[in-house]
N, C-alpha and C. Protein backbone atom coordinates (compact mmCIF):
# COMPACT_ATOMS: atom_id res chain seq x y z
N MET A 1 -59.37 70.29 62.42
CA MET A 1 -58.52 69.50 61.52
C MET A 1 -57.04 69.78 61.75
N GLU A 2 -56.73 70.98 62.24
CA GLU A 2 -55.32 71.25 62.55
C GLU A 2 -54.82 70.28 63.63
N THR A 3 -55.68 69.98 64.59
CA THR A 3 -55.31 69.03 65.63
C THR A 3 -55.11 67.64 65.04
N ARG A 4 -55.98 67.25 64.16
CA ARG A 4 -55.83 65.95 63.49
C ARG A 4 -54.51 65.89 62.72
N LEU A 5 -54.18 66.97 62.05
CA LEU A 5 -52.92 67.05 61.31
C LEU A 5 -51.74 66.92 62.27
N ARG A 6 -51.78 67.66 63.36
CA ARG A 6 -50.69 67.60 64.34
C ARG A 6 -50.56 66.21 64.93
N MET A 7 -51.67 65.58 65.26
CA MET A 7 -51.63 64.24 65.84
C MET A 7 -51.09 63.22 64.85
N GLU A 8 -51.40 63.38 63.58
CA GLU A 8 -50.86 62.45 62.57
C GLU A 8 -49.34 62.56 62.52
N LEU A 9 -48.82 63.77 62.62
CA LEU A 9 -47.37 63.97 62.60
C LEU A 9 -46.72 63.35 63.84
N ILE A 10 -47.33 63.55 64.97
CA ILE A 10 -46.78 62.99 66.22
C ILE A 10 -46.85 61.47 66.20
N ARG A 11 -47.96 60.91 65.74
CA ARG A 11 -48.08 59.44 65.65
C ARG A 11 -47.05 58.85 64.69
N ALA A 12 -46.66 59.64 63.70
CA ALA A 12 -45.65 59.18 62.73
C ALA A 12 -44.23 59.38 63.28
N ARG A 13 -44.14 59.74 64.55
CA ARG A 13 -42.87 59.94 65.26
C ARG A 13 -42.05 61.11 64.72
N LEU A 14 -42.75 62.09 64.17
CA LEU A 14 -42.10 63.35 63.81
C LEU A 14 -42.08 64.22 65.06
N PRO A 15 -41.16 65.17 65.13
CA PRO A 15 -41.18 66.08 66.29
C PRO A 15 -42.51 66.84 66.35
N ALA A 16 -42.92 67.16 67.55
CA ALA A 16 -44.15 67.94 67.71
C ALA A 16 -43.92 69.35 67.18
N PRO A 17 -44.75 69.79 66.25
CA PRO A 17 -44.59 71.15 65.72
C PRO A 17 -45.15 72.18 66.69
N CYS A 18 -44.70 73.41 66.56
CA CYS A 18 -45.30 74.53 67.29
C CYS A 18 -46.70 74.76 66.72
N VAL A 19 -47.61 75.19 67.56
CA VAL A 19 -49.00 75.39 67.16
C VAL A 19 -49.32 76.88 67.20
N GLN A 20 -50.00 77.35 66.16
CA GLN A 20 -50.42 78.75 66.07
C GLN A 20 -49.26 79.71 66.33
N ALA A 21 -48.16 79.48 65.61
CA ALA A 21 -46.94 80.27 65.79
C ALA A 21 -47.01 81.54 64.96
N ASP A 22 -46.61 82.66 65.59
CA ASP A 22 -46.49 83.91 64.85
C ASP A 22 -45.26 83.83 63.95
N ILE A 23 -45.44 84.14 62.68
CA ILE A 23 -44.35 84.10 61.70
C ILE A 23 -44.02 85.53 61.31
N ARG A 24 -42.75 85.88 61.41
CA ARG A 24 -42.32 87.26 61.16
C ARG A 24 -41.25 87.31 60.07
N ASP A 25 -41.18 88.46 59.40
CA ASP A 25 -40.13 88.67 58.41
C ASP A 25 -38.85 89.11 59.12
N ALA A 26 -37.80 89.37 58.36
CA ALA A 26 -36.50 89.72 58.94
C ALA A 26 -36.55 91.01 59.74
N ALA A 27 -37.48 91.91 59.41
CA ALA A 27 -37.62 93.18 60.14
C ALA A 27 -38.49 93.03 61.38
N GLY A 28 -39.03 91.82 61.61
CA GLY A 28 -39.87 91.59 62.77
C GLY A 28 -41.35 91.85 62.55
N ASN A 29 -41.72 92.15 61.31
CA ASN A 29 -43.13 92.40 61.00
C ASN A 29 -43.89 91.07 60.91
N LEU A 30 -45.07 91.04 61.48
CA LEU A 30 -45.88 89.83 61.46
C LEU A 30 -46.38 89.55 60.04
N ILE A 31 -46.08 88.36 59.55
CA ILE A 31 -46.61 87.91 58.26
C ILE A 31 -47.96 87.23 58.49
N GLY A 32 -48.01 86.43 59.53
CA GLY A 32 -49.24 85.70 59.84
C GLY A 32 -48.99 84.69 60.94
N ARG A 33 -50.01 83.91 61.20
CA ARG A 33 -49.92 82.86 62.21
C ARG A 33 -50.04 81.52 61.51
N ALA A 34 -49.06 80.65 61.76
CA ALA A 34 -49.04 79.33 61.13
C ALA A 34 -49.86 78.35 61.96
N ASP A 35 -50.61 77.48 61.28
CA ASP A 35 -51.32 76.41 61.98
C ASP A 35 -50.29 75.57 62.74
N LEU A 36 -49.26 75.11 62.03
CA LEU A 36 -48.18 74.32 62.60
C LEU A 36 -46.86 74.85 62.06
N TYR A 37 -45.81 74.72 62.86
CA TYR A 37 -44.54 75.31 62.45
C TYR A 37 -43.37 74.55 63.05
N TYR A 38 -42.38 74.26 62.20
CA TYR A 38 -41.11 73.68 62.62
C TYR A 38 -40.04 74.77 62.46
N PRO A 39 -39.70 75.48 63.54
CA PRO A 39 -38.73 76.57 63.41
C PRO A 39 -37.34 76.10 63.00
N ASP A 40 -36.98 74.87 63.33
CA ASP A 40 -35.65 74.38 62.97
C ASP A 40 -35.47 74.18 61.47
N ARG A 41 -36.58 74.18 60.73
CA ARG A 41 -36.53 74.06 59.27
C ARG A 41 -37.23 75.23 58.58
N ARG A 42 -37.74 76.17 59.37
CA ARG A 42 -38.54 77.28 58.85
C ARG A 42 -39.67 76.73 57.96
N LEU A 43 -40.29 75.67 58.45
CA LEU A 43 -41.33 74.96 57.71
C LEU A 43 -42.70 75.26 58.32
N VAL A 44 -43.53 75.91 57.53
CA VAL A 44 -44.90 76.24 57.90
C VAL A 44 -45.82 75.18 57.31
N ILE A 45 -46.74 74.68 58.13
CA ILE A 45 -47.69 73.68 57.66
C ILE A 45 -49.09 74.23 57.91
N GLU A 46 -49.88 74.25 56.85
CA GLU A 46 -51.22 74.82 56.92
C GLU A 46 -52.27 73.79 56.54
N TYR A 47 -53.39 73.84 57.24
CA TYR A 47 -54.56 73.07 56.84
C TYR A 47 -55.54 74.05 56.21
N ASP A 48 -55.94 73.78 54.98
CA ASP A 48 -56.89 74.63 54.27
C ASP A 48 -58.26 73.96 54.27
N GLY A 49 -59.15 74.47 55.09
CA GLY A 49 -60.52 73.98 55.13
C GLY A 49 -61.37 74.62 54.05
N GLU A 50 -62.64 74.32 54.10
CA GLU A 50 -63.58 74.84 53.10
C GLU A 50 -63.59 76.36 53.03
N ASN A 51 -63.38 77.04 54.16
CA ASN A 51 -63.44 78.50 54.16
C ASN A 51 -62.29 79.15 53.40
N HIS A 52 -61.26 78.40 53.08
CA HIS A 52 -60.14 78.98 52.35
C HIS A 52 -60.50 79.33 50.91
N LYS A 53 -61.53 78.71 50.38
CA LYS A 53 -61.97 79.08 49.03
C LYS A 53 -62.41 80.53 48.99
N ASP A 54 -62.98 81.00 50.09
CA ASP A 54 -63.47 82.37 50.16
C ASP A 54 -62.35 83.38 50.41
N ARG A 55 -61.18 82.91 50.81
CA ARG A 55 -60.05 83.79 51.14
C ARG A 55 -58.85 83.53 50.24
N LEU A 56 -59.07 83.04 49.05
CA LEU A 56 -57.98 82.62 48.19
C LEU A 56 -56.97 83.73 47.94
N VAL A 57 -57.42 84.92 47.61
CA VAL A 57 -56.50 86.01 47.30
C VAL A 57 -55.62 86.34 48.51
N ALA A 58 -56.23 86.46 49.68
CA ALA A 58 -55.47 86.76 50.91
C ALA A 58 -54.49 85.63 51.23
N ASP A 59 -54.94 84.38 51.06
CA ASP A 59 -54.06 83.24 51.33
C ASP A 59 -52.87 83.21 50.38
N LEU A 60 -53.09 83.53 49.13
CA LEU A 60 -51.99 83.54 48.15
C LEU A 60 -51.00 84.66 48.46
N ARG A 61 -51.49 85.81 48.85
CA ARG A 61 -50.59 86.91 49.23
C ARG A 61 -49.76 86.54 50.45
N ARG A 62 -50.40 85.92 51.42
CA ARG A 62 -49.70 85.48 52.63
C ARG A 62 -48.65 84.42 52.27
N GLN A 63 -49.02 83.48 51.41
CA GLN A 63 -48.07 82.45 50.97
C GLN A 63 -46.87 83.10 50.30
N ASN A 64 -47.08 84.05 49.43
CA ASN A 64 -45.97 84.74 48.76
C ASN A 64 -45.09 85.46 49.78
N ALA A 65 -45.70 86.09 50.77
CA ALA A 65 -44.93 86.78 51.81
C ALA A 65 -44.07 85.79 52.60
N LEU A 66 -44.63 84.63 52.91
CA LEU A 66 -43.86 83.60 53.63
C LEU A 66 -42.67 83.14 52.80
N VAL A 67 -42.91 82.82 51.55
CA VAL A 67 -41.84 82.34 50.68
C VAL A 67 -40.77 83.43 50.49
N ASN A 68 -41.20 84.66 50.28
CA ASN A 68 -40.25 85.76 50.09
C ASN A 68 -39.45 86.05 51.36
N ALA A 69 -39.97 85.68 52.52
CA ALA A 69 -39.24 85.88 53.78
C ALA A 69 -38.37 84.67 54.12
N GLY A 70 -38.32 83.68 53.24
CA GLY A 70 -37.43 82.54 53.46
C GLY A 70 -38.04 81.35 54.16
N TYR A 71 -39.35 81.31 54.27
CA TYR A 71 -40.02 80.17 54.89
C TYR A 71 -40.40 79.16 53.81
N HIS A 72 -40.60 77.93 54.23
CA HIS A 72 -41.08 76.87 53.34
C HIS A 72 -42.49 76.54 53.81
N LEU A 73 -43.34 76.16 52.87
CA LEU A 73 -44.75 75.99 53.18
C LEU A 73 -45.29 74.70 52.58
N LEU A 74 -46.01 73.94 53.41
CA LEU A 74 -46.78 72.80 52.94
C LEU A 74 -48.23 73.07 53.31
N ARG A 75 -49.13 72.85 52.34
CA ARG A 75 -50.55 73.09 52.57
C ARG A 75 -51.30 71.78 52.32
N PHE A 76 -52.23 71.48 53.22
CA PHE A 76 -53.01 70.25 53.13
C PHE A 76 -54.49 70.55 53.22
N THR A 77 -55.29 69.65 52.65
CA THR A 77 -56.75 69.72 52.73
C THR A 77 -57.25 68.37 53.23
N SER A 78 -58.55 68.26 53.42
CA SER A 78 -59.13 67.00 53.90
C SER A 78 -58.82 65.85 52.94
N ALA A 79 -58.71 66.14 51.66
CA ALA A 79 -58.41 65.08 50.68
C ALA A 79 -57.06 64.43 50.95
N ASP A 80 -56.12 65.17 51.52
CA ASP A 80 -54.80 64.61 51.79
C ASP A 80 -54.83 63.53 52.86
N PHE A 81 -55.85 63.52 53.70
CA PHE A 81 -55.94 62.53 54.76
C PHE A 81 -56.47 61.19 54.25
N ARG A 82 -56.97 61.15 53.04
CA ARG A 82 -57.52 59.91 52.50
C ARG A 82 -56.45 58.87 52.20
N ALA A 83 -55.26 59.33 51.84
CA ALA A 83 -54.14 58.41 51.59
C ALA A 83 -53.36 58.28 52.90
N LEU A 84 -53.55 57.18 53.59
CA LEU A 84 -52.97 56.98 54.91
C LEU A 84 -51.45 57.19 54.89
N GLY A 85 -50.98 58.06 55.75
CA GLY A 85 -49.54 58.31 55.88
C GLY A 85 -48.97 59.31 54.90
N SER A 86 -49.78 59.77 53.97
CA SER A 86 -49.29 60.69 52.93
C SER A 86 -48.81 62.01 53.51
N VAL A 87 -49.58 62.57 54.43
CA VAL A 87 -49.24 63.87 55.01
C VAL A 87 -47.93 63.76 55.77
N ALA A 88 -47.83 62.77 56.64
CA ALA A 88 -46.60 62.58 57.43
C ALA A 88 -45.40 62.33 56.52
N ALA A 89 -45.59 61.57 55.46
CA ALA A 89 -44.48 61.30 54.53
C ALA A 89 -44.00 62.58 53.87
N GLN A 90 -44.91 63.45 53.48
CA GLN A 90 -44.51 64.71 52.84
C GLN A 90 -43.77 65.61 53.82
N VAL A 91 -44.24 65.67 55.07
CA VAL A 91 -43.58 66.49 56.08
C VAL A 91 -42.21 65.91 56.39
N ARG A 92 -42.12 64.60 56.53
CA ARG A 92 -40.83 63.94 56.80
C ARG A 92 -39.83 64.25 55.68
N ARG A 93 -40.30 64.16 54.44
CA ARG A 93 -39.43 64.43 53.28
C ARG A 93 -38.95 65.88 53.31
N ALA A 94 -39.85 66.81 53.58
CA ALA A 94 -39.47 68.23 53.63
C ALA A 94 -38.45 68.46 54.74
N ARG A 95 -38.69 67.88 55.91
CA ARG A 95 -37.74 68.05 57.02
C ARG A 95 -36.38 67.45 56.68
N ALA A 96 -36.36 66.41 55.88
CA ALA A 96 -35.09 65.75 55.52
C ALA A 96 -34.26 66.59 54.56
N VAL A 97 -34.91 67.35 53.69
CA VAL A 97 -34.17 68.07 52.66
C VAL A 97 -33.94 69.54 52.99
N LEU A 98 -34.72 70.10 53.89
CA LEU A 98 -34.56 71.52 54.22
C LEU A 98 -33.39 71.72 55.17
N PRO A 99 -32.69 72.84 55.01
CA PRO A 99 -31.56 73.11 55.91
C PRO A 99 -32.05 73.38 57.34
N ARG A 100 -31.16 73.14 58.29
CA ARG A 100 -31.45 73.44 59.70
C ARG A 100 -31.17 74.92 59.95
N PHE A 101 -31.99 75.50 60.81
CA PHE A 101 -31.81 76.89 61.24
C PHE A 101 -31.69 76.93 62.74
N PRO A 102 -30.91 77.86 63.26
CA PRO A 102 -30.88 78.02 64.72
C PRO A 102 -32.26 78.48 65.21
N VAL A 103 -32.64 77.99 66.37
CA VAL A 103 -33.97 78.30 66.92
C VAL A 103 -33.79 79.09 68.19
N SER A 104 -34.43 80.26 68.24
CA SER A 104 -34.40 81.08 69.45
C SER A 104 -35.39 80.48 70.46
N PRO A 105 -35.19 80.71 71.75
CA PRO A 105 -36.09 80.15 72.76
C PRO A 105 -37.57 80.52 72.54
N ASP A 106 -37.85 81.73 72.08
CA ASP A 106 -39.25 82.11 71.87
C ASP A 106 -39.87 81.42 70.66
N GLU A 107 -39.06 80.95 69.72
CA GLU A 107 -39.58 80.23 68.55
C GLU A 107 -39.87 78.77 68.89
N ALA A 108 -39.27 78.25 69.90
CA ALA A 108 -39.39 76.83 70.22
C ALA A 108 -40.73 76.49 70.87
N THR A 109 -41.54 77.47 71.16
CA THR A 109 -42.84 77.19 71.80
C THR A 109 -43.99 77.44 70.88
């Protein structure tokens, strides 16, 4: 489903996001790996499948760590794909309002 999410964004003419990007805090400690990531907006995009119900506590802690480290997060489920264009519209809106950040060469991949 992460691939489907990425392809929807690309078909909507959004920039291609980084895939499975390591996300780190200011000290360089690994917070986690993002399904999709726009480093120029510090925007993490996650697809939450059925297995996320079993990991809710860990997912919430990770989400808090991302937010506390200055990242922005959008989370989607299969239900979000039922409204055609909804996912891309939300990502487009987030990219439009979030500030730009400088991107290091290692973040761009």
